[in-house]
Protein backbone atom coordinates (compact mmCIF):
# COMPACT_ATOMS: atom_id res chain seq x y z
CA MET A 1 0.02 -0.19 0.17
CA ASN A 2 1.13 3.13 -1.19
CA VAL A 3 1.55 6.06 2.07
CA ILE A 4 1.39 9.29 0.75
CA LYS A 5 2.37 11.64 4.06
CA GLY A 6 1.87 15.86 5.42
CA GLN A 7 1.64 18.62 2.48
CA LYS A 8 1.24 15.91 -0.41
CA ALA A 9 -1.25 13.37 1.06
CA ILE A 10 -3.62 16.48 1.51
CA GLN A 11 -2.48 17.85 -2.77
CA THR A 12 -3.52 14.18 -3.14
CA TYR A 13 -7.76 14.54 -1.14
CA TYR A 14 -7.89 17.70 -2.66
CA ASP A 15 -7.21 16.78 -6.07
CA LYS A 16 -8.91 13.94 -6.22
CA TYR A 17 -11.42 13.56 -3.78
CA TYR A 18 -13.14 16.24 -2.03
CA LEU A 19 -15.50 16.86 -4.36
CA ASP A 20 -16.97 13.27 -4.03
CA GLU A 21 -16.99 13.16 -1.34
CA HIS A 22 -18.51 16.61 -0.32
CA LYS A 23 -21.26 16.61 -3.78
CA ASP A 24 -24.11 16.16 -1.15
CA TYR A 25 -23.20 18.53 1.24
CA PHE A 26 -22.00 21.41 -1.38
CA THR A 27 -25.77 21.81 -3.02
CA ALA A 28 -26.44 25.46 -4.28
CA SER A 29 -28.54 26.78 -1.70
CA ARG A 30 -25.75 25.81 1.09
CA ALA A 31 -23.63 27.99 -1.06
CA ALA A 32 -26.28 30.63 -1.55
CA GLN A 33 -26.43 30.64 2.56
CA GLU A 34 -23.09 30.99 3.75
CA VAL A 35 -22.12 34.30 1.27
CA ASN A 36 -25.86 35.83 2.28
CA PHE A 37 -24.67 35.39 6.25
CA LEU A 38 -21.41 37.11 4.96
CA ILE A 39 -23.46 39.87 3.36
CA GLU A 40 -25.18 40.44 6.40
CA SER A 41 -22.33 40.69 8.60
CA LEU A 42 -21.07 43.04 6.46
CA SER A 43 -23.92 45.67 5.99
CA LYS A 44 -24.11 46.12 2.96
CA LYS A 45 -23.29 44.74 -0.39
CA PRO A 46 -19.86 44.25 -0.97
CA HIS A 47 -17.32 46.29 -3.72
CA SER A 48 -15.03 43.76 -3.93
CA VAL A 49 -13.93 39.42 -1.73
CA CYS A 50 -11.40 37.43 -0.95
CA ASP A 51 -12.04 33.91 -0.94
CA VAL A 52 -8.73 31.92 1.16
CA GLY A 53 -9.42 28.31 0.36
CA CYS A 54 -12.01 28.59 -2.60
CA GLY A 55 -12.25 25.06 -3.67
CA ASP A 56 -14.39 24.79 -6.73
CA GLY A 57 -15.34 28.57 -6.63
CA ARG A 58 -18.76 27.95 -5.83
CA HIS A 59 -18.63 30.98 -3.02
CA LEU A 60 -17.20 33.29 -6.02
CA LYS A 61 -19.78 32.36 -8.42
CA VAL A 62 -23.01 33.72 -6.05
CA PHE A 63 -21.11 36.99 -5.98
CA GLN A 64 -20.94 36.65 -8.79
CA GLN A 65 -23.75 35.85 -9.71
CA LEU A 66 -25.17 38.56 -7.07
CA GLY A 67 -23.32 41.45 -9.70
CA ILE A 68 -19.93 41.09 -7.09
CA PRO A 69 -17.50 43.94 -9.66
CA ASN A 70 -13.75 42.22 -8.39
CA GLY A 71 -12.44 38.81 -6.67
CA LEU A 72 -10.02 36.98 -5.65
CA GLY A 73 -9.22 33.18 -4.43
CA ILE A 74 -6.69 31.13 -3.64
CA ASP A 75 -6.37 27.16 -3.40
CA LEU A 76 -3.18 25.02 -2.96
CA SER A 77 -4.88 22.41 -5.23
CA ASN A 78 -3.88 22.59 -9.17
CA GLN A 79 -7.88 20.44 -9.62
CA LEU A 80 -10.05 22.37 -7.99
CA VAL A 81 -8.10 26.08 -9.12
CA LYS A 82 -9.15 24.35 -12.87
CA GLN A 83 -12.79 24.01 -11.76
CA ALA A 84 -13.15 26.98 -9.97
CA LYS A 85 -12.20 29.35 -13.11
CA LYS A 86 -14.78 27.03 -15.58
CA ASN A 87 -17.16 28.15 -12.76
CA VAL A 88 -15.89 31.88 -11.89
CA ASN A 89 -15.47 32.22 -15.68
CA ASP A 90 -15.25 36.50 -15.13
CA SER A 91 -11.92 38.10 -16.11
CA ASN A 92 -12.80 40.63 -12.77
CA PHE A 93 -12.41 37.05 -10.65
CA THR A 94 -8.64 36.01 -10.41
CA ILE A 95 -8.54 32.47 -9.15
CA GLN A 96 -4.52 31.51 -8.10
CA ASN A 97 -2.31 28.36 -7.44
CA GLN A 98 -0.66 29.15 -5.12
CA SER A 99 -0.05 28.72 -0.25
CA PHE A 100 -1.73 30.14 2.42
CA ALA A 101 2.54 31.15 2.59
CA ASP A 102 2.01 32.80 -0.31
CA LEU A 103 -0.97 34.62 -0.57
CA GLN A 104 -0.40 38.17 -1.66
CA PRO A 105 -3.54 39.91 -1.56
CA GLU A 106 -3.77 44.06 -2.38
CA HIS A 107 -3.53 46.00 0.59
CA GLU A 108 -6.99 47.32 1.88
CA CYS A 109 -8.62 46.15 -1.22
CA TYR A 110 -11.44 43.28 -0.16
CA ASP A 111 -14.49 44.04 1.75
CA ILE A 112 -14.73 40.97 2.91
CA THR A 113 -11.99 38.08 3.52
CA TYR A 114 -13.33 34.61 4.70
CA CYS A 115 -11.67 31.27 4.86
CA ILE A 116 -14.88 29.02 4.85
CA PHE A 117 -15.08 25.58 5.42
CA SER A 118 -11.77 24.46 7.46
CA SER A 119 -9.34 25.99 5.30
CA PHE A 120 -8.14 27.89 7.93
CA SER A 121 -6.74 24.03 10.06
CA TYR A 122 -4.29 23.80 7.37
CA CYS A 123 -2.51 26.24 9.24
CA ARG A 124 -0.42 23.71 11.32
CA ASP A 125 0.84 25.98 13.86
CA LEU A 126 -0.30 29.23 16.12
CA SER A 127 2.53 30.88 13.57
CA GLU A 128 0.95 30.03 10.46
CA ALA A 129 -2.26 30.36 12.02
CA GLN A 130 -0.92 34.41 12.90
CA ASN A 131 0.84 34.89 9.20
CA LEU A 132 -2.90 34.82 7.54
CA ILE A 133 -4.86 36.32 9.53
CA THR A 134 -2.71 39.77 9.79
CA LYS A 135 -2.23 39.43 6.06
CA MET A 136 -6.35 39.07 5.87
CA VAL A 137 -6.70 41.73 8.24
CA SER A 138 -4.63 43.67 6.41
CA ALA A 139 -6.68 42.91 2.69
CA THR A 140 -9.56 44.47 4.50
CA THR A 141 -11.24 47.70 3.59
CA MET A 142 -11.67 49.40 6.85
CA GLU A 143 -14.83 49.35 7.11
CA GLY A 144 -14.69 45.68 5.94
CA ILE A 145 -15.09 42.06 7.95
CA ILE A 146 -12.68 39.26 7.92
CA CYS A 147 -14.91 35.49 8.02
CA VAL A 148 -13.30 32.63 9.15
CA ASP A 149 -15.46 29.04 9.46
CA ILE A 150 -14.16 26.56 11.31
CA ASP A 151 -14.62 22.94 12.33
CA ASN A 152 -15.86 23.55 16.27
CA VAL A 153 -13.47 21.14 18.43
CA PHE A 154 -15.87 19.53 21.32
CA ARG A 155 -17.77 18.52 18.06
CA LEU A 156 -14.49 16.63 17.01
CA VAL A 157 -15.17 14.85 20.28
CA ARG A 158 -18.58 13.80 19.82
CA PHE A 159 -17.70 12.57 16.74
CA LEU A 160 -14.25 10.52 17.68
CA THR A 161 -16.41 9.17 20.50
CA GLU A 162 -18.59 7.60 18.07
CA HIS A 163 -15.92 6.44 15.17
CA ASN A 164 -14.07 4.43 17.13
CA LYS A 165 -16.57 2.59 19.11
CA LYS A 166 -17.52 1.74 14.80
CA ALA A 167 -16.00 -1.81 13.45
CA GLU A 168 -15.93 -1.01 9.94
CA ASP A 169 -14.25 2.20 9.81
CA THR A 170 -11.21 2.08 8.23
CA ASP A 171 -10.15 5.58 8.89
CA GLU A 172 -7.69 5.90 11.81
CA LEU A 173 -8.11 9.12 13.70
CA GLU A 174 -5.97 10.67 16.62
CA PHE A 175 -6.73 13.77 18.97
CA ASP A 176 -4.14 15.45 20.19
CA ALA A 177 -5.82 16.73 23.51
CA ILE A 178 -2.39 19.13 24.05
CA ASN A 179 -1.97 20.37 20.37
CA LEU A 180 -5.03 19.65 19.22
CA HIS A 181 -3.93 18.09 16.16
CA LEU A 182 -6.11 15.51 14.91
CA LEU A 183 -3.90 13.10 13.15
CA ALA A 184 -5.76 11.18 9.97
CA ARG A 185 -4.49 7.66 8.40
CA GLU A 186 -6.94 7.36 5.87
CA LYS A 187 -7.60 4.60 3.17
CA ARG A 188 -8.34 6.41 -0.55
CA GLY A 189 -7.60 3.84 -3.28
CA ARG A 190 -5.03 2.33 -3.66
CA ALA A 191 -2.85 4.94 -0.74
CA VAL A 192 -3.14 6.34 2.57
CA LEU A 193 -3.13 9.68 2.74
CA GLU A 194 -1.29 10.37 6.56
CA SER A 195 -2.18 14.40 7.46
CA SER A 196 -2.83 16.21 10.31
CA THR A 197 -5.21 19.89 11.03
CA GLN A 198 -5.32 21.86 13.83
CA TYR A 199 -7.37 22.71 15.33
CA PHE A 200 -8.15 26.10 17.12
CA MET A 201 -10.82 27.23 20.26
CA ALA A 202 -12.02 30.71 20.75
CA PRO A 203 -9.29 32.51 23.05
CA GLU A 204 -6.82 31.18 20.92
CA ILE A 205 -8.56 33.49 17.78
CA LYS A 206 -8.79 36.01 19.91
CA THR A 207 -5.40 36.82 20.34
CA LEU A 208 -4.35 35.58 16.72
CA PHE A 209 -6.78 38.95 15.93
CA ALA A 210 -5.49 41.12 18.48
CA THR A 211 -2.06 40.41 17.74
CA ALA A 212 -3.70 41.28 13.90
CA GLY A 213 -5.49 45.00 15.25
CA ILE A 214 -8.32 44.03 15.96
CA LYS A 215 -10.52 44.44 19.23
CA ASN A 216 -12.26 41.36 21.14
CA SER A 217 -15.07 43.83 20.68
CA ASN A 218 -15.21 43.46 17.14
CA LEU A 219 -15.38 39.88 17.03
CA VAL A 220 -18.31 37.97 17.32
CA PHE A 221 -18.80 34.41 17.44
CA LYS A 222 -21.55 32.06 15.32
CA GLY A 223 -22.15 28.66 15.75
CA GLY A 224 -23.33 28.31 12.03
CA PHE A 225 -24.29 30.45 9.05
CA ASN A 226 -27.69 30.04 10.84
CA LYS A 227 -26.81 32.42 12.75
CA ASP A 228 -26.76 30.62 16.15
CA LYS A 229 -24.65 31.59 19.30
CA TYR A 230 -21.60 29.81 18.96
CA SER A 231 -21.84 27.26 22.53
CA TYR A 232 -19.85 23.69 22.75
CA ARG A 233 -23.14 22.88 21.56
CA SER A 234 -22.12 24.17 18.16
CA ASP A 235 -20.54 22.06 14.69
CA ARG A 236 -19.24 25.03 13.66
CA LEU A 237 -16.76 27.49 15.19
CA ILE A 238 -17.48 30.74 13.26
CA VAL A 239 -16.10 34.37 14.42
CA ILE A 240 -16.55 37.78 12.06
CA ALA A 241 -14.11 40.26 12.91
CA LYS A 242 -14.94 43.77 11.93
CA LYS A 243 -11.88 45.86 11.05
CA GLN A 244 -13.17 49.67 12.74
CA ASP A 245 -16.33 50.35 15.52
CA LYS A 246 -19.33 51.11 13.52
């Protein structure tokens, strides 16, 4: 069995398996709900948006359909970037194949800068997370917002409790509770993909944004795109950060 590790495993998964495994989740109505959540959080129609970890461009496509003039999307997966360019066929929307570390957005250019559906968890440590948050804040206009959406670590604990009871599960998942790393060993096709994702809790998110110049009073935490209040019962940890007081 061929074992693929680290960044190569992540790229292989997103190039070959990601869209198919989430086809029932990534519906047009869900993308529209998430985009509407972002626009309502901004309280006005944006002029330009930046999608960090854009995948196949499902959110950028909705923004385009709503008549948003400009957008930038980045993703590390070659295949997802190709698909995003097909889905968002507009010269005013730029799709780039690059990592978080390579992100160099224009300064204070975007009304909404967002990272949705756990892409943020591919920051391998707090240093990489801080670097990305700082870039996202810098890229956002003074009147704009930054949104980060990640899996709730408390939901993960509930999931692992049930997952480890099922003998038929072939994926091996191990959670490092000290460093909040989820270590995964997953069989896909004729290969085993070994990778890890970083989990974050609300106090860490507050610190990351504070270091990037955002007041804690300008942060709003939600437990889902239905605007539920964040709690340990939530499936998601979604933070909306405003650059300045309203």
